[in-house]
Protein backbone atom coordinates (compact mmCIF):
# COMPACT_ATOMS: atom_id res chain seq x y z
CA MET A 1 -16.37 5.12 -19.15
CA SER A 2 -13.35 2.80 -18.98
CA SER A 3 -12.59 0.87 -15.83
CA VAL A 4 -8.86 0.79 -16.65
CA VAL A 5 -6.67 2.73 -14.21
CA ALA A 6 -3.25 3.80 -15.45
CA ARG A 7 -0.17 3.18 -13.30
CA SER A 8 0.61 6.90 -13.46
CA LYS A 9 -2.78 7.68 -11.85
CA ILE A 10 -2.45 5.28 -8.90
CA VAL A 11 1.22 5.70 -7.93
CA GLY A 12 1.50 8.33 -5.20
CA LEU A 13 -2.10 8.03 -3.98
CA LYS A 14 -2.87 7.44 -0.30
CA VAL A 15 -4.39 4.04 0.53
CA TYR A 16 -7.24 3.81 3.05
CA THR A 17 -9.19 0.88 4.50
CA HIS A 18 -12.96 0.77 4.00
CA ASP A 19 -13.33 2.28 7.48
CA ALA A 20 -11.09 5.29 6.74
CA LYS A 21 -7.81 4.15 8.32
CA LEU A 22 -4.71 5.33 6.47
CA VAL A 23 -2.59 2.38 5.32
CA GLY A 24 0.13 4.18 3.36
CA THR A 25 1.05 5.43 -0.12
CA VAL A 26 1.14 3.50 -3.39
CA LYS A 27 4.78 3.34 -4.52
CA ASP A 28 4.44 1.03 -7.52
CA ILE A 29 2.60 -1.86 -9.12
CA GLY A 30 4.16 -5.30 -9.43
CA PHE A 31 3.38 -8.85 -10.45
CA ASP A 32 4.18 -12.33 -9.18
CA LEU A 33 6.74 -14.09 -11.40
CA LYS A 34 5.12 -17.45 -10.62
CA GLU A 35 1.63 -16.16 -11.45
CA PRO A 36 2.02 -13.10 -13.74
CA SER A 37 -1.73 -12.56 -13.86
CA LYS A 38 -1.68 -11.67 -10.15
CA LEU A 39 -0.95 -7.96 -9.87
CA HIS A 40 -0.23 -6.12 -6.63
CA ILE A 41 0.10 -2.57 -5.46
CA LEU A 42 3.23 -1.93 -3.43
CA VAL A 43 2.28 0.27 -0.50
CA ASP A 44 4.78 2.22 1.59
CA VAL A 45 3.49 1.82 5.16
CA GLY A 46 6.24 3.90 6.75
CA GLY A 47 9.73 3.24 7.96
CA GLY A 48 10.78 2.23 4.45
CA SER A 49 8.60 -0.90 4.58
CA LEU A 50 6.58 -1.95 1.54
CA VAL A 51 3.50 -4.17 1.74
CA GLU A 52 2.14 -6.04 -1.29
CA MET A 53 -1.63 -5.87 -1.66
CA PRO A 54 -3.46 -7.68 -4.46
CA LEU A 55 -5.31 -5.47 -6.93
CA SER A 56 -8.42 -7.47 -6.05
CA SER A 57 -8.34 -5.77 -2.61
CA ILE A 58 -9.10 -2.37 -4.20
CA ALA A 59 -12.71 -1.17 -4.07
CA ALA A 60 -12.25 2.23 -5.74
CA VAL A 61 -9.64 4.64 -7.10
CA GLY A 62 -10.19 8.39 -7.19
CA ASP A 63 -8.34 10.98 -5.14
CA ILE A 64 -7.37 8.04 -2.89
CA VAL A 65 -7.25 4.24 -3.13
CA LEU A 66 -10.06 2.68 -1.10
CA LEU A 67 -9.73 -0.94 -0.02
CA ARG A 68 -12.60 -3.42 0.03
CA GLU A 69 -14.39 -4.29 3.24
CA GLY A 70 -12.79 -7.32 4.85
CA VAL A 71 -9.25 -6.49 3.71
CA GLU A 72 -7.05 -6.76 6.78
CA ASP A 73 -4.80 -3.91 7.80
CA PRO A 74 -1.17 -4.63 6.96
CA PRO A 75 1.02 -5.60 9.90
CA PRO A 76 2.32 -2.63 11.88
CA THR A 77 5.74 -1.40 10.88
CA PRO A 78 8.33 -1.68 13.64
CA SER A 79 9.92 1.60 14.67
CA PRO A 80 13.49 1.95 13.47
CA ALA A 81 16.18 1.64 16.13
CA PRO A 82 17.73 4.94 17.21
CA PRO A 83 21.20 5.66 15.79
CA ALA A 84 24.09 4.41 17.89
CA GLY A 85 24.92 6.75 20.72
CA GLU A 86 21.45 8.30 20.98
CA GLY A 87 19.08 7.68 23.82
CA ARG A 88 21.79 7.32 26.41
CA GLY A 89 21.81 9.70 29.24
């Protein structure tokens, strides 16, 4: 069985840490222009924020993407500011 995972299979999958914490959803795969051999998954962590995670941080891909033990959780996403005029009372 091949160990190659197609982009179409991974994009849209939920990403979880090794201890079952939801990180976000894979939005795309990208590479570093300075080091093209370094590939990353771009993970939507909420609030429109994307986090780059190296492919080497992935332990398994199936119905979800499971990260390796020792991979740190991405930084928390700040909550968006309320629209102007809201929250005043």
